[in-house]
Amino acid sequence: FFILSVASALLVINQGDRWGWLSLPSLACFLLAVVALGGLIRVERREPFPLIDLDLLRQPAFLRICVLTSLLAFFYCGAFFLMPIHLHATHHYRDAVIGLLLLPTTAAMALISPWVGRLADRIGPRWILMAGFLMLGLSAGLQRMLDRESALGTMIVAFTLMGVGWGCILGPSVLAALKAVHAEQQGVAIGISWTLHNLGLSLIHI
């Protein structure tokens, strides 16, 4: 049921624009996803050791973390997918130049992640997560303003802020998910969190 529901949902998300959102294939895939999800919920509630512990999603703290990690995935994948196209169309940069412009994102994330991890262990993940989403918001604002007249420094700052925000969220979100549940539920909790994180990646195709 899980594979059928997720596969059907991803198929309609990826092909809905091509098929038409109200076309027969789109509606059929959507209906199949809903029916399979209903079957999954019914089966999981009966199992003593469910694949997905639905009770975890009823805990507000854990549900918030799942939503936040999905939003993170949606943001950085959307940026990495759209910004190269935008930079090529507006500045006619070559692929190598675009790659170098995006390098500060991954470089910043790699550099701050160890420090962020140690800080989160000391003070907890809450304030770090807030700072991370603030950085992503600033990055989004700068990326929104990029046009033909934008200076190179503005682009570098925008992409660096995205990397800092990414680094402030990715690790601490895992810690927050672990803290939101009991010890015996942590393995399942991380699985659910990362599944929803990866589903957030697919939403950029809508």
N, C-alpha and C. Protein backbone atom coordinates (compact mmCIF):
# COMPACT_ATOMS: atom_id res chain seq x y z
N PHE A 1 0.82 -1.21 0.00
CA PHE A 1 0.00 0.00 0.00
C PHE A 1 0.87 1.27 0.00
N PHE A 2 1.95 1.23 0.79
CA PHE A 2 2.82 2.40 0.87
C PHE A 2 3.44 2.72 -0.48
N ILE A 3 4.02 1.70 -1.13
CA ILE A 3 4.66 1.91 -2.43
C ILE A 3 3.65 2.37 -3.46
N LEU A 4 2.48 1.76 -3.46
CA LEU A 4 1.43 2.12 -4.43
C LEU A 4 0.96 3.55 -4.23
N SER A 5 0.77 3.94 -2.97
CA SER A 5 0.29 5.29 -2.67
C SER A 5 1.32 6.34 -3.06
N VAL A 6 2.58 6.14 -2.64
CA VAL A 6 3.63 7.12 -2.94
C VAL A 6 3.91 7.19 -4.43
N ALA A 7 4.00 6.02 -5.09
CA ALA A 7 4.28 6.01 -6.53
C ALA A 7 3.18 6.71 -7.32
N SER A 8 1.94 6.47 -6.95
CA SER A 8 0.82 7.11 -7.66
C SER A 8 0.81 8.62 -7.43
N ALA A 9 1.09 9.04 -6.18
CA ALA A 9 1.13 10.47 -5.88
C ALA A 9 2.26 11.16 -6.63
N LEU A 10 3.44 10.55 -6.64
CA LEU A 10 4.57 11.14 -7.35
C LEU A 10 4.33 11.18 -8.85
N LEU A 11 3.66 10.18 -9.37
CA LEU A 11 3.38 10.15 -10.81
C LEU A 11 2.47 11.29 -11.22
N VAL A 12 1.42 11.53 -10.44
CA VAL A 12 0.51 12.62 -10.80
C VAL A 12 1.17 13.97 -10.57
N ILE A 13 2.03 14.09 -9.57
CA ILE A 13 2.75 15.35 -9.34
C ILE A 13 3.69 15.66 -10.50
N ASN A 14 4.38 14.63 -10.98
CA ASN A 14 5.35 14.83 -12.05
C ASN A 14 4.72 14.96 -13.43
N GLN A 15 3.60 14.29 -13.65
CA GLN A 15 3.02 14.27 -14.99
C GLN A 15 1.72 15.05 -15.11
N GLY A 16 1.23 15.59 -13.97
CA GLY A 16 -0.06 16.27 -14.00
C GLY A 16 -0.10 17.45 -14.96
N ASP A 17 0.97 18.22 -15.01
CA ASP A 17 1.00 19.37 -15.91
C ASP A 17 0.99 18.93 -17.37
N ARG A 18 1.65 17.83 -17.64
CA ARG A 18 1.71 17.31 -19.01
C ARG A 18 0.39 16.67 -19.42
N TRP A 19 -0.18 15.88 -18.51
CA TRP A 19 -1.43 15.20 -18.82
C TRP A 19 -2.64 16.13 -18.74
N GLY A 20 -2.54 17.16 -17.86
CA GLY A 20 -3.71 17.96 -17.51
C GLY A 20 -4.19 17.51 -16.14
N TRP A 21 -4.31 18.45 -15.20
CA TRP A 21 -4.61 18.08 -13.83
C TRP A 21 -5.98 17.43 -13.68
N LEU A 22 -6.89 17.71 -14.59
CA LEU A 22 -8.23 17.12 -14.51
C LEU A 22 -8.44 16.04 -15.56
N SER A 23 -7.35 15.59 -16.18
CA SER A 23 -7.46 14.53 -17.18
C SER A 23 -7.71 13.20 -16.50
N LEU A 24 -8.14 12.22 -17.29
CA LEU A 24 -8.45 10.90 -16.74
C LEU A 24 -7.23 10.23 -16.10
N PRO A 25 -6.04 10.25 -16.73
CA PRO A 25 -4.88 9.63 -16.07
C PRO A 25 -4.52 10.29 -14.74
N SER A 26 -4.59 11.64 -14.69
CA SER A 26 -4.27 12.33 -13.45
C SER A 26 -5.26 11.99 -12.36
N LEU A 27 -6.54 12.03 -12.68
CA LEU A 27 -7.57 11.72 -11.69
C LEU A 27 -7.48 10.27 -11.23
N ALA A 28 -7.16 9.36 -12.17
CA ALA A 28 -7.04 7.94 -11.82
C ALA A 28 -5.87 7.72 -10.86
N CYS A 29 -4.74 8.36 -11.15
CA CYS A 29 -3.58 8.23 -10.27
C CYS A 29 -3.86 8.83 -8.90
N PHE A 30 -4.52 9.98 -8.89
CA PHE A 30 -4.85 10.62 -7.61
C PHE A 30 -5.79 9.72 -6.80
N LEU A 31 -6.81 9.17 -7.44
CA LEU A 31 -7.74 8.29 -6.74
C LEU A 31 -7.03 7.04 -6.22
N LEU A 32 -6.14 6.49 -7.03
CA LEU A 32 -5.39 5.31 -6.60
C LEU A 32 -4.52 5.63 -5.40
N ALA A 33 -3.90 6.82 -5.40
CA ALA A 33 -3.06 7.22 -4.27
C ALA A 33 -3.89 7.35 -3.00
N VAL A 34 -5.08 7.93 -3.11
CA VAL A 34 -5.94 8.12 -1.95
C VAL A 34 -6.42 6.77 -1.41
N VAL A 35 -6.85 5.89 -2.30
CA VAL A 35 -7.34 4.57 -1.88
C VAL A 35 -6.21 3.76 -1.23
N ALA A 36 -5.03 3.80 -1.85
CA ALA A 36 -3.89 3.07 -1.28
C ALA A 36 -3.49 3.64 0.07
N LEU A 37 -3.56 4.97 0.21
CA LEU A 37 -3.24 5.59 1.49
C LEU A 37 -4.23 5.15 2.56
N GLY A 38 -5.51 5.10 2.19
CA GLY A 38 -6.52 4.61 3.13
C GLY A 38 -6.25 3.18 3.55
N GLY A 39 -5.85 2.33 2.58
CA GLY A 39 -5.52 0.95 2.91
C GLY A 39 -4.30 0.87 3.81
N LEU A 40 -3.31 1.73 3.55
CA LEU A 40 -2.11 1.74 4.38
C LEU A 40 -2.44 2.11 5.82
N ILE A 41 -3.25 3.15 6.00
CA ILE A 41 -3.63 3.59 7.34
C ILE A 41 -4.37 2.47 8.08
N ARG A 42 -5.25 1.80 7.38
CA ARG A 42 -6.03 0.73 8.01
C ARG A 42 -5.13 -0.42 8.45
N VAL A 43 -4.20 -0.81 7.58
CA VAL A 43 -3.31 -1.92 7.90
C VAL A 43 -2.35 -1.54 9.03
N GLU A 44 -1.79 -0.33 8.96
CA GLU A 44 -0.80 0.09 9.95
C GLU A 44 -1.40 0.20 11.34
N ARG A 45 -2.65 0.56 11.43
CA ARG A 45 -3.30 0.68 12.74
C ARG A 45 -3.48 -0.68 13.39
N ARG A 46 -3.53 -1.74 12.59
CA ARG A 46 -3.75 -3.08 13.14
C ARG A 46 -2.45 -3.79 13.50
N GLU A 47 -1.35 -3.35 12.89
CA GLU A 47 -0.07 -4.04 13.10
C GLU A 47 0.55 -3.68 14.45
N PRO A 48 1.05 -4.68 15.16
CA PRO A 48 1.73 -4.38 16.44
C PRO A 48 3.06 -3.65 16.23
N PHE A 49 3.71 -3.91 15.09
CA PHE A 49 4.97 -3.24 14.75
C PHE A 49 4.83 -2.62 13.35
N PRO A 50 4.16 -1.48 13.26
CA PRO A 50 3.87 -0.90 11.94
C PRO A 50 5.11 -0.33 11.27
N LEU A 51 5.07 -0.31 9.94
CA LEU A 51 6.14 0.33 9.17
C LEU A 51 6.17 1.82 9.43
N ILE A 52 5.01 2.43 9.51
CA ILE A 52 4.87 3.85 9.82
C ILE A 52 3.98 3.99 11.05
N ASP A 53 4.55 4.48 12.12
CA ASP A 53 3.78 4.65 13.36
C ASP A 53 2.97 5.94 13.24
N LEU A 54 1.71 5.81 12.90
CA LEU A 54 0.87 6.98 12.65
C LEU A 54 0.65 7.81 13.90
N ASP A 55 0.82 7.20 15.06
CA ASP A 55 0.66 7.95 16.31
C ASP A 55 1.72 9.04 16.44
N LEU A 56 2.88 8.82 15.81
CA LEU A 56 3.94 9.84 15.88
C LEU A 56 3.50 11.14 15.22
N LEU A 57 2.74 11.02 14.13
CA LEU A 57 2.31 12.22 13.41
C LEU A 57 1.23 12.98 14.16
N ARG A 58 0.72 12.40 15.22
CA ARG A 58 -0.24 13.11 16.07
C ARG A 58 0.45 13.94 17.14
N GLN A 59 1.76 13.80 17.25
CA GLN A 59 2.52 14.58 18.21
C GLN A 59 2.95 15.89 17.56
N PRO A 60 2.45 17.03 18.05
CA PRO A 60 2.70 18.32 17.38
C PRO A 60 4.17 18.63 17.16
N ALA A 61 5.02 18.33 18.14
CA ALA A 61 6.44 18.66 18.00
C ALA A 61 7.07 17.87 16.86
N PHE A 62 6.77 16.59 16.77
CA PHE A 62 7.33 15.77 15.70
C PHE A 62 6.75 16.16 14.35
N LEU A 63 5.46 16.44 14.30
CA LEU A 63 4.83 16.83 13.04
C LEU A 63 5.42 18.13 12.52
N ARG A 64 5.72 19.08 13.42
CA ARG A 64 6.34 20.34 12.99
C ARG A 64 7.70 20.09 12.34
N ILE A 65 8.48 19.20 12.94
CA ILE A 65 9.80 18.90 12.38
C ILE A 65 9.66 18.28 11.00
N CYS A 66 8.70 17.39 10.83
CA CYS A 66 8.49 16.76 9.52
C CYS A 66 8.12 17.80 8.47
N VAL A 67 7.27 18.74 8.84
CA VAL A 67 6.88 19.80 7.90
C VAL A 67 8.09 20.67 7.57
N LEU A 68 8.88 21.02 8.58
CA LEU A 68 10.04 21.89 8.36
C LEU A 68 11.08 21.22 7.46
N THR A 69 11.34 19.94 7.67
CA THR A 69 12.34 19.27 6.85
C THR A 69 11.85 19.11 5.41
N SER A 70 10.54 18.96 5.23
CA SER A 70 9.97 18.92 3.88
C SER A 70 10.11 20.27 3.19
N LEU A 71 9.90 21.35 3.93
CA LEU A 71 10.05 22.69 3.37
C LEU A 71 11.50 22.95 2.99
N LEU A 72 12.45 22.48 3.81
CA LEU A 72 13.86 22.63 3.49
C LEU A 72 14.17 21.96 2.16
N ALA A 73 13.72 20.72 2.00
CA ALA A 73 13.99 19.98 0.77
C ALA A 73 13.37 20.69 -0.43
N PHE A 74 12.15 21.18 -0.26
CA PHE A 74 11.47 21.89 -1.34
C PHE A 74 12.26 23.12 -1.75
N PHE A 75 12.82 23.84 -0.76
CA PHE A 75 13.53 25.09 -1.07
C PHE A 75 14.84 24.83 -1.79
N TYR A 76 15.70 23.97 -1.21
CA TYR A 76 17.03 23.85 -1.82
C TYR A 76 16.99 23.11 -3.15
N CYS A 77 16.07 22.15 -3.30
CA CYS A 77 15.98 21.47 -4.59
C CYS A 77 15.37 22.39 -5.65
N GLY A 78 14.41 23.21 -5.24
CA GLY A 78 13.84 24.17 -6.17
C GLY A 78 14.89 25.17 -6.63
N ALA A 79 15.71 25.64 -5.70
CA ALA A 79 16.76 26.60 -6.04
C ALA A 79 17.80 25.98 -6.96
N PHE A 80 18.25 24.77 -6.63
CA PHE A 80 19.26 24.12 -7.47
C PHE A 80 18.71 23.75 -8.85
N PHE A 81 17.41 23.54 -8.93
CA PHE A 81 16.80 23.19 -10.22
C PHE A 81 16.57 24.43 -11.08
N LEU A 82 16.07 25.52 -10.46
CA LEU A 82 15.66 26.69 -11.23
C LEU A 82 16.76 27.72 -11.44
N MET A 83 17.65 27.90 -10.46
CA MET A 83 18.64 28.97 -10.57
C MET A 83 19.62 28.76 -11.72
N PRO A 84 20.12 27.56 -12.01
CA PRO A 84 20.96 27.42 -13.20
C PRO A 84 20.25 27.84 -14.48
N ILE A 85 18.97 27.49 -14.59
CA ILE A 85 18.21 27.91 -15.77
C ILE A 85 18.10 29.42 -15.83
N HIS A 86 17.82 30.03 -14.67
CA HIS A 86 17.67 31.49 -14.60
C HIS A 86 18.99 32.19 -14.93
N LEU A 87 20.09 31.71 -14.36
CA LEU A 87 21.38 32.34 -14.60
C LEU A 87 21.81 32.21 -16.06
N HIS A 88 21.51 31.08 -16.64
CA HIS A 88 21.85 30.90 -18.06
C HIS A 88 21.02 31.82 -18.95
N ALA A 89 19.74 31.97 -18.59
CA ALA A 89 18.85 32.80 -19.41
C ALA A 89 19.14 34.29 -19.26
N THR A 90 19.52 34.73 -18.07
CA THR A 90 19.71 36.17 -17.84
C THR A 90 21.14 36.63 -18.07
N HIS A 91 22.13 35.80 -17.72
CA HIS A 91 23.52 36.20 -17.84
C HIS A 91 24.30 35.41 -18.88
N HIS A 92 23.67 34.36 -19.42
CA HIS A 92 24.30 33.53 -20.44
C HIS A 92 25.62 32.92 -19.95
N TYR A 93 25.64 32.56 -18.66
CA TYR A 93 26.81 31.92 -18.10
C TYR A 93 26.95 30.50 -18.63
N ARG A 94 28.19 30.05 -18.75
CA ARG A 94 28.44 28.66 -19.11
C ARG A 94 28.19 27.76 -17.89
N ASP A 95 28.10 26.47 -18.18
CA ASP A 95 27.79 25.52 -17.11
C ASP A 95 28.84 25.56 -16.00
N ALA A 96 30.11 25.68 -16.38
CA ALA A 96 31.17 25.70 -15.37
C ALA A 96 31.05 26.91 -14.46
N VAL A 97 30.71 28.06 -15.02
CA VAL A 97 30.55 29.28 -14.23
C VAL A 97 29.36 29.15 -13.28
N ILE A 98 28.27 28.60 -13.78
CA ILE A 98 27.09 28.40 -12.92
C ILE A 98 27.42 27.45 -11.77
N GLY A 99 28.19 26.40 -12.07
CA GLY A 99 28.61 25.48 -11.02
C GLY A 99 29.44 26.17 -9.95
N LEU A 100 30.34 27.04 -10.36
CA LEU A 100 31.17 27.78 -9.41
C LEU A 100 30.32 28.75 -8.58
N LEU A 101 29.31 29.35 -9.20
CA LEU A 101 28.45 30.28 -8.46
C LEU A 101 27.64 29.56 -7.39
N LEU A 102 27.27 28.31 -7.66
CA LEU A 102 26.49 27.54 -6.69
C LEU A 102 27.37 26.86 -5.65
N LEU A 103 28.67 26.82 -5.90
CA LEU A 103 29.59 26.15 -4.96
C LEU A 103 29.53 26.73 -3.55
N PRO A 104 29.37 28.06 -3.34
CA PRO A 104 29.29 28.57 -1.97
C PRO A 104 28.18 27.95 -1.14
N THR A 105 27.11 27.47 -1.80
CA THR A 105 26.02 26.84 -1.04
C THR A 105 26.50 25.58 -0.34
N THR A 106 27.05 24.65 -1.10
CA THR A 106 27.50 23.39 -0.50
C THR A 106 28.74 23.59 0.37
N ALA A 107 29.59 24.55 -0.03
CA ALA A 107 30.79 24.81 0.77
C ALA A 107 30.42 25.35 2.15
N ALA A 108 29.49 26.31 2.18
CA ALA A 108 29.06 26.89 3.45
C ALA A 108 28.40 25.83 4.33
N MET A 109 27.57 24.97 3.72
CA MET A 109 26.91 23.93 4.50
C MET A 109 27.94 22.96 5.10
N ALA A 110 28.92 22.57 4.28
CA ALA A 110 29.93 21.62 4.76
C ALA A 110 30.80 22.23 5.87
N LEU A 111 31.09 23.52 5.77
CA LEU A 111 31.96 24.16 6.74
C LEU A 111 31.29 24.37 8.09
N ILE A 112 30.00 24.73 8.08
CA ILE A 112 29.35 25.05 9.35
C ILE A 112 28.69 23.84 10.01
N SER A 113 28.46 22.77 9.25
CA SER A 113 27.71 21.63 9.81
C SER A 113 28.35 21.05 11.07
N PRO A 114 29.67 20.80 11.12
CA PRO A 114 30.26 20.27 12.37
C PRO A 114 30.07 21.21 13.55
N TRP A 115 30.26 22.51 13.31
CA TRP A 115 30.10 23.49 14.38
C TRP A 115 28.65 23.56 14.84
N VAL A 116 27.72 23.53 13.87
CA VAL A 116 26.29 23.57 14.20
C VAL A 116 25.90 22.35 15.02
N GLY A 117 26.44 21.18 14.66
CA GLY A 117 26.13 19.96 15.40
C GLY A 117 26.54 20.05 16.86
N ARG A 118 27.76 20.56 17.10
CA ARG A 118 28.23 20.71 18.49
C ARG A 118 27.40 21.73 19.25
N LEU A 119 27.03 22.82 18.57
CA LEU A 119 26.22 23.85 19.22
C LEU A 119 24.83 23.33 19.55
N ALA A 120 24.25 22.56 18.64
CA ALA A 120 22.92 22.00 18.89
C ALA A 120 22.93 21.04 20.08
N ASP A 121 24.03 20.30 20.24
CA ASP A 121 24.13 19.41 21.39
C ASP A 121 24.15 20.19 22.70
N ARG A 122 24.70 21.40 22.67
CA ARG A 122 24.82 22.20 23.90
C ARG A 122 23.55 22.98 24.21
N ILE A 123 22.97 23.64 23.22
CA ILE A 123 21.85 24.55 23.48
C ILE A 123 20.51 24.04 22.95
N GLY A 124 20.54 22.91 22.24
CA GLY A 124 19.31 22.40 21.65
C GLY A 124 19.11 22.94 20.24
N PRO A 125 18.22 22.31 19.48
CA PRO A 125 18.09 22.67 18.06
C PRO A 125 17.16 23.84 17.75
N ARG A 126 16.34 24.27 18.70
CA ARG A 126 15.26 25.21 18.38
C ARG A 126 15.78 26.52 17.78
N TRP A 127 16.69 27.20 18.47
CA TRP A 127 17.15 28.50 18.00
C TRP A 127 17.98 28.38 16.73
N ILE A 128 18.68 27.26 16.59
CA ILE A 128 19.47 27.05 15.37
C ILE A 128 18.55 26.86 14.18
N LEU A 129 17.47 26.12 14.36
CA LEU A 129 16.50 25.94 13.29
C LEU A 129 15.88 27.28 12.89
N MET A 130 15.55 28.11 13.87
CA MET A 130 14.98 29.41 13.57
C MET A 130 15.97 30.26 12.78
N ALA A 131 17.24 30.23 13.20
CA ALA A 131 18.27 30.98 12.47
C ALA A 131 18.42 30.44 11.05
N GLY A 132 18.33 29.12 10.90
CA GLY A 132 18.46 28.52 9.57
C GLY A 132 17.37 28.97 8.62
N PHE A 133 16.14 28.98 9.10
CA PHE A 133 15.05 29.42 8.22
C PHE A 133 15.10 30.92 7.96
N LEU A 134 15.66 31.68 8.90
CA LEU A 134 15.87 33.10 8.65
C LEU A 134 16.87 33.27 7.51
N MET A 135 17.96 32.49 7.53
CA MET A 135 18.95 32.55 6.45
C MET A 135 18.33 32.16 5.11
N LEU A 136 17.51 31.11 5.13
CA LEU A 136 16.84 30.70 3.89
C LEU A 136 15.91 31.80 3.38
N GLY A 137 15.22 32.47 4.30
CA GLY A 137 14.34 33.56 3.89
C GLY A 137 15.11 34.70 3.25
N LEU A 138 16.24 35.05 3.85
CA LEU A 138 17.07 36.12 3.27
C LEU A 138 17.61 35.69 1.91
N SER A 139 18.03 34.44 1.81
CA SER A 139 18.53 33.93 0.53
C SER A 139 17.43 33.96 -0.53
N ALA A 140 16.24 33.55 -0.15
CA ALA A 140 15.13 33.55 -1.10
C ALA A 140 14.83 34.97 -1.58
N GLY A 141 14.88 35.93 -0.65
CA GLY A 141 14.64 37.31 -1.03
C GLY A 141 15.66 37.83 -2.02
N LEU A 142 16.93 37.50 -1.78
CA LEU A 142 17.99 37.93 -2.71
C LEU A 142 17.87 37.21 -4.06
N GLN A 143 17.58 35.91 -4.02
CA GLN A 143 17.44 35.18 -5.27
C GLN A 143 16.25 35.69 -6.08
N ARG A 144 15.22 36.12 -5.37
CA ARG A 144 14.05 36.66 -6.07
C ARG A 144 14.39 37.93 -6.84
N MET A 145 15.38 38.69 -6.37
CA MET A 145 15.73 39.96 -6.99
C MET A 145 16.81 39.83 -8.07
N LEU A 146 17.36 38.63 -8.24
CA LEU A 146 18.42 38.48 -9.24
C LEU A 146 17.88 38.70 -10.64
N ASP A 147 18.54 39.57 -11.39
CA ASP A 147 18.17 39.84 -12.78
C ASP A 147 19.43 40.13 -13.59
N ARG A 148 19.26 40.67 -14.76
CA ARG A 148 20.40 40.93 -15.65
C ARG A 148 21.40 41.91 -15.04
N GLU A 149 20.91 42.80 -14.16
CA GLU A 149 21.76 43.84 -13.59
C GLU A 149 22.40 43.44 -12.26
N SER A 150 22.10 42.29 -11.77
CA SER A 150 22.58 41.88 -10.46
C SER A 150 24.09 41.71 -10.46
N ALA A 151 24.72 42.18 -9.39
CA ALA A 151 26.17 42.06 -9.25
C ALA A 151 26.54 40.64 -8.85
N LEU A 152 27.75 40.26 -9.20
CA LEU A 152 28.25 38.93 -8.87
C LEU A 152 28.26 38.72 -7.36
N GLY A 153 28.62 39.77 -6.61
CA GLY A 153 28.66 39.64 -5.15
C GLY A 153 27.30 39.33 -4.56
N THR A 154 26.24 39.90 -5.13
CA THR A 154 24.89 39.62 -4.65
C THR A 154 24.54 38.16 -4.82
N MET A 155 24.91 37.59 -5.96
CA MET A 155 24.65 36.17 -6.20
C MET A 155 25.39 35.30 -5.19
N ILE A 156 26.65 35.62 -4.96
CA ILE A 156 27.45 34.82 -4.03
C ILE A 156 26.89 34.89 -2.62
N VAL A 157 26.47 36.09 -2.20
CA VAL A 157 25.87 36.23 -0.87
C VAL A 157 24.58 35.42 -0.78
N ALA A 158 23.75 35.48 -1.82
CA ALA A 158 22.48 34.75 -1.82
C ALA A 158 22.71 33.25 -1.68
N PHE A 159 23.66 32.72 -2.44
CA PHE A 159 23.91 31.28 -2.41
C PHE A 159 24.64 30.86 -1.14
N THR A 160 25.46 31.74 -0.59
CA THR A 160 26.12 31.43 0.68
C THR A 160 25.11 31.37 1.82
N LEU A 161 24.18 32.31 1.83
CA LEU A 161 23.13 32.30 2.85
C LEU A 161 22.29 31.03 2.77
N MET A 162 22.05 30.55 1.56
CA MET A 162 21.30 29.31 1.41
C MET A 162 22.07 28.15 2.02
N GLY A 163 23.38 28.11 1.81
CA GLY A 163 24.18 27.04 2.41
C GLY A 163 24.22 27.11 3.92
N VAL A 164 24.31 28.33 4.46
CA VAL A 164 24.29 28.50 5.91
C VAL A 164 22.96 28.03 6.48
N GLY A 165 21.87 28.45 5.84
CA GLY A 165 20.55 28.02 6.30
C GLY A 165 20.38 26.52 6.23
N TRP A 166 20.83 25.93 5.14
CA TRP A 166 20.76 24.48 4.95
C TRP A 166 21.53 23.77 6.05
N GLY A 167 22.74 24.24 6.33
CA GLY A 167 23.55 23.62 7.38
C GLY A 167 22.96 23.76 8.77
N CYS A 168 22.25 24.87 9.00
CA CYS A 168 21.63 25.10 10.31
C CYS A 168 20.36 24.27 10.51
N ILE A 169 19.82 23.72 9.44
CA ILE A 169 18.55 22.99 9.55
C ILE A 169 18.73 21.49 9.45
N LEU A 170 19.58 21.04 8.54
CA LEU A 170 19.63 19.60 8.23
C LEU A 170 19.96 18.75 9.45
N GLY A 171 21.08 19.01 10.09
CA GLY A 171 21.45 18.23 11.27
C GLY A 171 20.56 18.46 12.47
N PRO A 172 20.33 19.74 12.87
CA PRO A 172 19.46 20.00 14.01
C PRO A 172 18.04 19.47 13.85
N SER A 173 17.54 19.37 12.62
CA SER A 173 16.20 18.82 12.43
C SER A 173 16.16 17.35 12.82
N VAL A 174 17.25 16.63 12.56
CA VAL A 174 17.33 15.23 12.99
C VAL A 174 17.33 15.14 14.51
N LEU A 175 18.12 16.00 15.15
CA LEU A 175 18.16 16.03 16.62
C LEU A 175 16.80 16.37 17.19
N ALA A 176 16.12 17.34 16.57
CA ALA A 176 14.79 17.73 17.05
C ALA A 176 13.79 16.59 16.90
N ALA A 177 13.90 15.84 15.81
CA ALA A 177 13.00 14.70 15.61
C ALA A 177 13.24 13.64 16.68
N LEU A 178 14.49 13.40 17.02
CA LEU A 178 14.81 12.41 18.05
C LEU A 178 14.31 12.85 19.42
N LYS A 179 14.44 14.14 19.70
CA LYS A 179 14.00 14.66 21.00
C LYS A 179 12.48 14.68 21.13
N ALA A 180 11.77 14.67 20.01
CA ALA A 180 10.31 14.79 20.04
C ALA A 180 9.61 13.48 20.35
N VAL A 181 10.36 12.36 20.35
CA VAL A 181 9.74 11.05 20.55
C VAL A 181 10.48 10.29 21.65
N HIS A 182 9.90 9.19 22.08
CA HIS A 182 10.54 8.32 23.06
C HIS A 182 11.68 7.54 22.41
N ALA A 183 12.59 7.06 23.22
CA ALA A 183 13.79 6.39 22.72
C ALA A 183 13.46 5.21 21.83
N GLU A 184 12.44 4.43 22.21
CA GLU A 184 12.11 3.24 21.43
C GLU A 184 11.45 3.58 20.09
N GLN A 185 11.05 4.84 19.91
CA GLN A 185 10.41 5.25 18.66
C GLN A 185 11.36 6.00 17.72
N GLN A 186 12.60 6.19 18.13
CA GLN A 186 13.49 7.07 17.38
C GLN A 186 13.83 6.54 15.98
N GLY A 187 14.03 5.24 15.85
CA GLY A 187 14.33 4.68 14.54
C GLY A 187 13.21 4.91 13.55
N VAL A 188 11.99 4.62 13.97
CA VAL A 188 10.83 4.83 13.11
C VAL A 188 10.64 6.32 12.83
N ALA A 189 10.87 7.16 13.83
CA ALA A 189 10.70 8.60 13.67
C ALA A 189 11.63 9.17 12.60
N ILE A 190 12.89 8.74 12.62
CA ILE A 190 13.84 9.22 11.62
C ILE A 190 13.43 8.74 10.23
N GLY A 191 12.95 7.52 10.13
CA GLY A 191 12.49 7.00 8.85
C GLY A 191 11.33 7.82 8.28
N ILE A 192 10.37 8.15 9.15
CA ILE A 192 9.23 8.95 8.71
C ILE A 192 9.69 10.35 8.30
N SER A 193 10.55 10.95 9.11
CA SER A 193 11.02 12.30 8.85
C SER A 193 11.73 12.39 7.50
N TRP A 194 12.61 11.43 7.22
CA TRP A 194 13.36 11.48 5.97
C TRP A 194 12.51 11.09 4.77
N THR A 195 11.51 10.25 4.99
CA THR A 195 10.57 9.95 3.90
C THR A 195 9.83 11.20 3.48
N LEU A 196 9.34 11.96 4.45
CA LEU A 196 8.64 13.20 4.14
C LEU A 196 9.59 14.25 3.57
N HIS A 197 10.84 14.23 4.03
CA HIS A 197 11.86 15.12 3.46
C HIS A 197 12.02 14.83 1.96
N ASN A 198 12.13 13.56 1.61
CA ASN A 198 12.31 13.21 0.21
C ASN A 198 11.06 13.47 -0.62
N LEU A 199 9.89 13.31 0.00
CA LEU A 199 8.67 13.66 -0.73
C LEU A 199 8.62 15.15 -1.03
N GLY A 200 9.19 15.96 -0.12
CA GLY A 200 9.25 17.39 -0.38
C GLY A 200 10.05 17.73 -1.62
N LEU A 201 11.03 16.88 -1.96
CA LEU A 201 11.82 17.10 -3.17
C LEU A 201 10.96 17.05 -4.41
N SER A 202 9.98 16.16 -4.41
CA SER A 202 9.18 15.95 -5.62
C SER A 202 8.22 17.10 -5.90
N LEU A 203 7.93 17.91 -4.89
CA LEU A 203 6.96 18.98 -5.07
C LEU A 203 7.44 20.08 -6.01
N ILE A 204 8.75 20.15 -6.27
CA ILE A 204 9.25 21.18 -7.18
C ILE A 204 8.78 20.94 -8.60
N HIS A 205 8.25 19.75 -8.89
CA HIS A 205 7.81 19.44 -10.27
C HIS A 205 6.37 19.89 -10.51
N ILE A 206 5.69 20.39 -9.45
CA ILE A 206 4.30 20.81 -9.65
C ILE A 206 4.26 22.02 -10.55
